[in-house]
C-alpha atoms as a PDB file:
ATOM      1  CA  MET A   1     -61.297  25.045  16.231  1.00  0.00           C
ATOM      2  CA  GLU A   2     -59.406  22.291  15.661  1.00  0.00           C
ATOM      3  CA  LYS A   3     -59.536  20.198  12.789  1.00  0.00           C
ATOM      4  CA  ILE A   4     -59.810  16.356  13.319  1.00  0.00           C
ATOM      5  CA  LYS A   5     -57.818  14.429  11.212  1.00  0.00           C
ATOM      6  CA  ARG A   6     -60.012  11.124   9.672  1.00  0.00           C
ATOM      7  CA  THR A   7     -59.398   7.953   7.643  1.00  0.00           C
ATOM      8  CA  ILE A   8     -61.569   6.992   5.358  1.00  0.00           C
ATOM      9  CA  THR A   9     -61.690   3.831   3.277  1.00  0.00           C
ATOM     10  CA  THR A  10     -62.884   3.453  -0.298  1.00  0.00           C
ATOM     11  CA  TYR A  11     -64.028   0.885  -2.641  1.00  0.00           C
ATOM     12  CA  THR A  12     -64.253   0.766  -5.846  1.00  0.00           C
ATOM     13  CA  VAL A  13     -65.280  -1.970  -8.253  1.00  0.00           C
ATOM     14  CA  GLU A  14     -65.429  -3.070 -11.659  1.00  0.00           C
ATOM     15  CA  HIS A  15     -67.710  -5.631 -12.855  1.00  0.00           C
ATOM     16  CA  TRP A  16     -67.052  -7.457 -16.230  1.00  0.00           C
ATOM     17  CA  ARG A  17     -69.185  -9.910 -18.150  1.00  0.00           C
ATOM     18  CA  GLY A  18     -66.337 -10.794 -20.708  1.00  0.00           C
ATOM     19  CA  ASP A  19     -65.444  -7.557 -22.477  1.00  0.00           C
ATOM     20  CA  GLU A  20     -68.536  -5.409 -21.238  1.00  0.00           C
ATOM     21  CA  LEU A  21     -68.638  -3.678 -18.418  1.00  0.00           C
ATOM     22  CA  LEU A  22     -71.394  -3.582 -16.046  1.00  0.00           C
ATOM     23  CA  SER A  23     -70.483  -1.046 -14.120  1.00  0.00           C
ATOM     24  CA  VAL A  24     -68.369   0.762 -11.308  1.00  0.00           C
ATOM     25  CA  THR A  25     -69.237   1.363  -8.165  1.00  0.00           C
ATOM     26  CA  GLU A  26     -67.514   3.589  -5.371  1.00  0.00           C
ATOM     27  CA  ASP A  27     -68.623   3.233  -2.169  1.00  0.00           C
ATOM     28  CA  SER A  28     -67.080   3.087   1.623  1.00  0.00           C
ATOM     29  CA  ASN A  29     -68.456   2.671   5.196  1.00  0.00           C
ATOM     30  CA  VAL A  30     -66.362   1.693   7.981  1.00  0.00           C
ATOM     31  CA  CYS A  31     -62.442   1.512   9.071  1.00  0.00           C
ATOM     32  CA  THR A  32     -63.305  -0.544  12.342  1.00  0.00           C
ATOM     33  CA  ASP A  33     -62.198   0.005  15.951  1.00  0.00           C
ATOM     34  CA  GLU A  34     -60.349  -3.079  15.601  1.00  0.00           C
ATOM     35  CA  GLY A  35     -58.781  -2.251  12.392  1.00  0.00           C
ATOM     36  CA  LEU A  36     -58.077   1.762  13.416  1.00  0.00           C
ATOM     37  CA  ASN A  37     -56.421   0.261  16.739  1.00  0.00           C
ATOM     38  CA  ALA A  38     -53.714  -1.878  15.075  1.00  0.00           C
ATOM     39  CA  LEU A  39     -53.217   1.294  13.355  1.00  0.00           C
ATOM     40  CA  LEU A  40     -52.513   3.226  16.254  1.00  0.00           C
ATOM     41  CA  ASN A  41     -50.418  -0.017  18.235  1.00  0.00           C
ATOM     42  CA  ILE A  42     -48.786  -0.555  15.192  1.00  0.00           C
ATOM     43  CA  MET A  43     -47.487   2.871  14.735  1.00  0.00           C
ATOM     44  CA  PHE A  44     -47.069   4.539  18.282  1.00  0.00           C
ATOM     45  CA  ASN A  45     -46.723   1.445  20.164  1.00  0.00           C
ATOM     46  CA  ALA A  46     -44.067  -0.791  18.497  1.00  0.00           C
ATOM     47  CA  ALA A  47     -47.133  -4.059  17.732  1.00  0.00           C
ATOM     48  CA  THR A  48     -46.284  -6.140  15.714  1.00  0.00           C
ATOM     49  CA  GLN A  49     -46.659  -4.759  11.940  1.00  0.00           C
ATOM     50  CA  ILE A  50     -48.901  -6.464   9.575  1.00  0.00           C
ATOM     51  CA  THR A  51     -47.186  -6.240   6.774  1.00  0.00           C
ATOM     52  CA  THR A  52     -49.541  -8.511   4.278  1.00  0.00           C
ATOM     53  CA  TRP A  53     -53.607  -7.349   3.773  1.00  0.00           C
ATOM     54  CA  TYR A  54     -56.195  -8.775   1.653  1.00  0.00           C
ATOM     55  CA  VAL A  55     -58.986  -8.262   0.238  1.00  0.00           C
ATOM     56  CA  LEU A  56     -62.208 -10.408   0.598  1.00  0.00           C
ATOM     57  CA  ILE A  57     -65.506 -10.112  -0.762  1.00  0.00           C
ATOM     58  CA  PHE A  58     -68.937 -10.929   0.249  1.00  0.00           C
ATOM     59  CA  GLU A  59     -72.859 -12.882  -0.165  1.00  0.00           C
ATOM     60  CA  THR A  60     -74.486 -11.059   2.130  1.00  0.00           C
ATOM     61  CA  ASP A  61     -76.484  -8.094   2.416  1.00  0.00           C
ATOM     62  CA  THR A  62     -75.302  -6.717   5.666  1.00  0.00           C
ATOM     63  CA  GLU A  63     -74.049  -3.341   6.896  1.00  0.00           C
ATOM     64  CA  PRO A  64     -70.677  -3.816   9.063  1.00  0.00           C
ATOM     65  CA  ALA A  65     -70.055  -1.794  11.952  1.00  0.00           C
ATOM     66  CA  SER A  66     -67.106   0.197  13.381  1.00  0.00           C
ATOM     67  CA  ALA A  67     -67.505  -2.625  15.732  1.00  0.00           C
ATOM     68  CA  THR A  68     -67.331  -5.369  12.921  1.00  0.00           C
ATOM     69  CA  THR A  69     -64.076  -7.645  13.912  1.00  0.00           C
ATOM     70  CA  TYR A  70     -62.472 -10.125  11.987  1.00  0.00           C
ATOM     71  CA  ALA A  71     -63.231 -13.314  14.404  1.00  0.00           C
ATOM     72  CA  THR A  72     -66.336 -12.009  14.309  1.00  0.00           C
ATOM     73  CA  PRO A  73     -68.047 -11.066  11.001  1.00  0.00           C
ATOM     74  CA  VAL A  74     -71.343  -9.706   9.924  1.00  0.00           C
ATOM     75  CA  TRP A  75     -71.590 -10.981   6.144  1.00  0.00           C
ATOM     76  CA  THR A  76     -70.782 -14.545   4.968  1.00  0.00           C
ATOM     77  CA  GLU A  77     -67.691 -14.217   2.842  1.00  0.00           C
ATOM     78  CA  SER A  78     -68.497 -15.568  -0.721  1.00  0.00           C
ATOM     79  CA  GLU A  79     -65.671 -18.639  -1.888  1.00  0.00           C
ATOM     80  CA  ALA A  80     -67.050 -18.687  -4.963  1.00  0.00           C
ATOM     81  CA  TYR A  81     -64.304 -17.253  -7.031  1.00  0.00           C
ATOM     82  CA  ASP A  82     -61.609 -19.004  -9.090  1.00  0.00           C
ATOM     83  CA  GLU A  83     -58.594 -17.500  -7.318  1.00  0.00           C
ATOM     84  CA  ALA A  84     -56.893 -19.949  -4.553  1.00  0.00           C
ATOM     85  CA  THR A  85     -57.403 -17.518  -2.314  1.00  0.00           C
ATOM     86  CA  ARG A  86     -58.381 -14.069  -1.325  1.00  0.00           C
ATOM     87  CA  PRO A  87     -56.039 -11.373  -3.537  1.00  0.00           C
ATOM     88  CA  GLU A  88     -52.953  -9.371  -1.858  1.00  0.00           C
ATOM     89  CA  TYR A  89     -53.779  -6.050  -1.078  1.00  0.00           C
ATOM     90  CA  VAL A  90     -50.805  -4.368  -2.744  1.00  0.00           C
ATOM     91  CA  ASP A  91     -50.134  -0.828  -2.293  1.00  0.00           C
ATOM     92  CA  VAL A  92     -48.100   1.914  -3.680  1.00  0.00           C
ATOM     93  CA  THR A  93     -46.233   3.761  -0.850  1.00  0.00           C
ATOM     94  CA  ALA A  94     -48.879   6.931   0.093  1.00  0.00           C
ATOM     95  CA  ASP A  95     -48.643  10.628  -1.567  1.00  0.00           C
ATOM     96  CA  ALA A  96     -50.939  13.181  -0.230  1.00  0.00           C
ATOM     97  CA  LYS A  97     -52.285  10.875   2.252  1.00  0.00           C
ATOM     98  CA  ILE A  98     -53.498   8.470   0.310  1.00  0.00           C
ATOM     99  CA  MET A  99     -52.507   4.991  -0.360  1.00  0.00           C
ATOM    100  CA  THR A 100     -53.810   2.758  -2.787  1.00  0.00           C
ATOM    101  CA  ASN A 101     -54.462  -0.545  -4.994  1.00  0.00           C
ATOM    102  CA  SER A 102     -55.009   1.293  -8.139  1.00  0.00           C
ATOM    103  CA  ALA A 103     -52.215  -0.071 -10.127  1.00  0.00           C
ATOM    104  CA  SER A 104     -52.634  -3.720  -8.467  1.00  0.00           C
ATOM    105  CA  LYS A 105     -56.151  -4.171  -7.982  1.00  0.00           C
ATOM    106  CA  ALA A 106     -57.649  -7.331  -6.254  1.00  0.00           C
ATOM    107  CA  VAL A 107     -59.113  -9.560  -8.949  1.00  0.00           C
ATOM    108  CA  PHE A 108     -62.272 -12.008  -8.306  1.00  0.00           C
ATOM    109  CA  THR A 109     -63.524 -14.500 -11.290  1.00  0.00           C
ATOM    110  CA  ILE A 110     -66.576 -15.361 -10.390  1.00  0.00           C
ATOM    111  CA  SER A 111     -67.410 -18.916 -10.245  1.00  0.00           C
ATOM    112  CA  ALA A 112     -70.764 -19.562  -9.641  1.00  0.00           C
ATOM    113  CA  THR A 113     -73.682 -17.228  -9.665  1.00  0.00           C
ATOM    114  CA  LYS A 114     -73.623 -15.220  -7.149  1.00  0.00           C
ATOM    115  CA  THR A 115     -74.707 -11.605  -5.818  1.00  0.00           C
ATOM    116  CA  ILE A 116     -72.377  -9.745  -3.966  1.00  0.00           C
ATOM    117  CA  TYR A 117     -72.829  -7.379  -1.781  1.00  0.00           C
ATOM    118  CA  GLY A 118     -69.035  -6.000  -0.127  1.00  0.00           C
ATOM    119  CA  ALA A 119     -66.085  -5.705   0.528  1.00  0.00           C
ATOM    120  CA  ALA A 120     -63.191  -5.737   3.167  1.00  0.00           C
ATOM    121  CA  LEU A 121     -60.015  -5.731   4.189  1.00  0.00           C
ATOM    122  CA  VAL A 122     -58.130  -7.656   6.413  1.00  0.00           C
ATOM    123  CA  GLY A 123     -54.616  -8.865   6.864  1.00  0.00           C
ATOM    124  CA  GLY A 124     -52.400 -10.528  10.172  1.00  0.00           C
ATOM    125  CA  GLY A 125     -53.135 -13.458  11.670  1.00  0.00           C
ATOM    126  CA  SER A 126     -52.034 -17.272  10.950  1.00  0.00           C
ATOM    127  CA  ALA A 127     -54.663 -17.928   7.864  1.00  0.00           C
ATOM    128  CA  ALA A 128     -55.074 -14.426   5.996  1.00  0.00           C
ATOM    129  CA  THR A 129     -55.330 -15.451   2.773  1.00  0.00           C
ATOM    130  CA  THR A 130     -57.807 -18.650   3.298  1.00  0.00           C
ATOM    131  CA  LYS A 131     -60.985 -17.704   2.417  1.00  0.00           C
ATOM    132  CA  ALA A 132     -63.893 -17.543   4.719  1.00  0.00           C
ATOM    133  CA  ASP A 133     -61.277 -17.938   7.651  1.00  0.00           C
ATOM    134  CA  ALA A 134     -62.335 -16.397  10.672  1.00  0.00           C
ATOM    135  CA  ALA A 135     -60.492 -18.197  13.059  1.00  0.00           C
ATOM    136  CA  GLY A 136     -56.859 -17.313  12.488  1.00  0.00           C
ATOM    137  CA  GLY A 137     -56.537 -13.960  14.514  1.00  0.00           C
ATOM    138  CA  GLY A 138     -56.365 -11.535  11.829  1.00  0.00           C
ATOM    139  CA  THR A 139     -57.592  -7.931  11.649  1.00  0.00           C
ATOM    140  CA  LEU A 140     -60.759  -6.157   9.731  1.00  0.00           C
ATOM    141  CA  PHE A 141     -59.611  -2.166   9.040  1.00  0.00           C
ATOM    142  CA  SER A 142     -62.470  -1.979   6.690  1.00  0.00           C
ATOM    143  CA  ALA A 143     -65.110  -3.077   4.800  1.00  0.00           C
ATOM    144  CA  SER A 144     -67.457  -1.618   2.669  1.00  0.00           C
ATOM    145  CA  GLN A 145     -71.757  -2.517   1.425  1.00  0.00           C
ATOM    146  CA  PHE A 146     -72.423  -1.901  -1.643  1.00  0.00           C
ATOM    147  CA  SER A 147     -74.607   0.452  -2.549  1.00  0.00           C
ATOM    148  CA  ALA A 148     -75.130  -1.146  -5.676  1.00  0.00           C
ATOM    149  CA  GLU A 149     -75.300  -5.467  -5.503  1.00  0.00           C
ATOM    150  CA  LYS A 150     -73.310  -7.186  -7.780  1.00  0.00           C
ATOM    151  CA  ALA A 151     -75.877  -9.651  -9.428  1.00  0.00           C
ATOM    152  CA  CYS A 152     -72.510 -11.964 -10.900  1.00  0.00           C
ATOM    153  CA  VAL A 153     -72.537 -15.593 -13.080  1.00  0.00           C
ATOM    154  CA  ASP A 154     -69.645 -17.959 -13.358  1.00  0.00           C
ATOM    155  CA  ASN A 155     -66.452 -16.276 -15.266  1.00  0.00           C
ATOM    156  CA  ASP A 156     -67.537 -12.402 -14.123  1.00  0.00           C
ATOM    157  CA  VAL A 157     -64.965 -10.681 -12.799  1.00  0.00           C
ATOM    158  CA  LEU A 158     -64.815  -7.908 -10.034  1.00  0.00           C
ATOM    159  CA  ASN A 159     -61.259  -5.388  -9.903  1.00  0.00           C
ATOM    160  CA  VAL A 160     -61.855  -4.605  -6.700  1.00  0.00           C
ATOM    161  CA  THR A 161     -59.522  -0.724  -5.524  1.00  0.00           C
ATOM    162  CA  VAL A 162     -58.905  -0.010  -2.175  1.00  0.00           C
ATOM    163  CA  THR A 163     -57.741   3.415  -1.171  1.00  0.00           C
ATOM    164  CA  ILE A 164     -57.490   4.991   1.962  1.00  0.00           C
ATOM    165  CA  THR A 165     -57.188   8.271   2.964  1.00  0.00           C
ATOM    166  CA  VAL A 166     -56.210  10.478   5.669  1.00  0.00           C
ATOM    167  CA  ALA A 167     -57.586  14.044   5.912  1.00  0.00           C
ATOM    168  CA  ASP A 168     -59.125  16.844   8.093  1.00  0.00           C
ATOM    169  CA  SER A 169     -62.580  16.742   8.668  1.00  0.00           C
END
């Protein structure tokens, strides 16, 4: 029997309050159809490469599905953080079929009392840096609803590591 390749995206989230690490969770959920089609079209069909990706967080208790798209997200993106734009996903060159931003985690300094339920990886379009943009024509590569929500208050910090793995199943 032939092995099938899989793409898995894992979100590791550190929740900090001052110098205290409140929790660390690791969750994976879905690489969207939109994201996987973009991957295939860029790699094999000469589609325009998306050169910069961004991490977002969301504040609704919603599980993303494979049909979820950038233009029609199933969540409400959180804008309640001090950073002016969505943080950039700064990866390292893939090795052992893994790519990650662990050396440069996406940082969200929370600016209000919010519960954060998940995160996603987006890129492309005309406004991928813009918090809550859904109209800019971007691509949603993957998204994850956390197994344990993050009850945040002003000045809490969420450090998000996104790890993309292509593996035999």
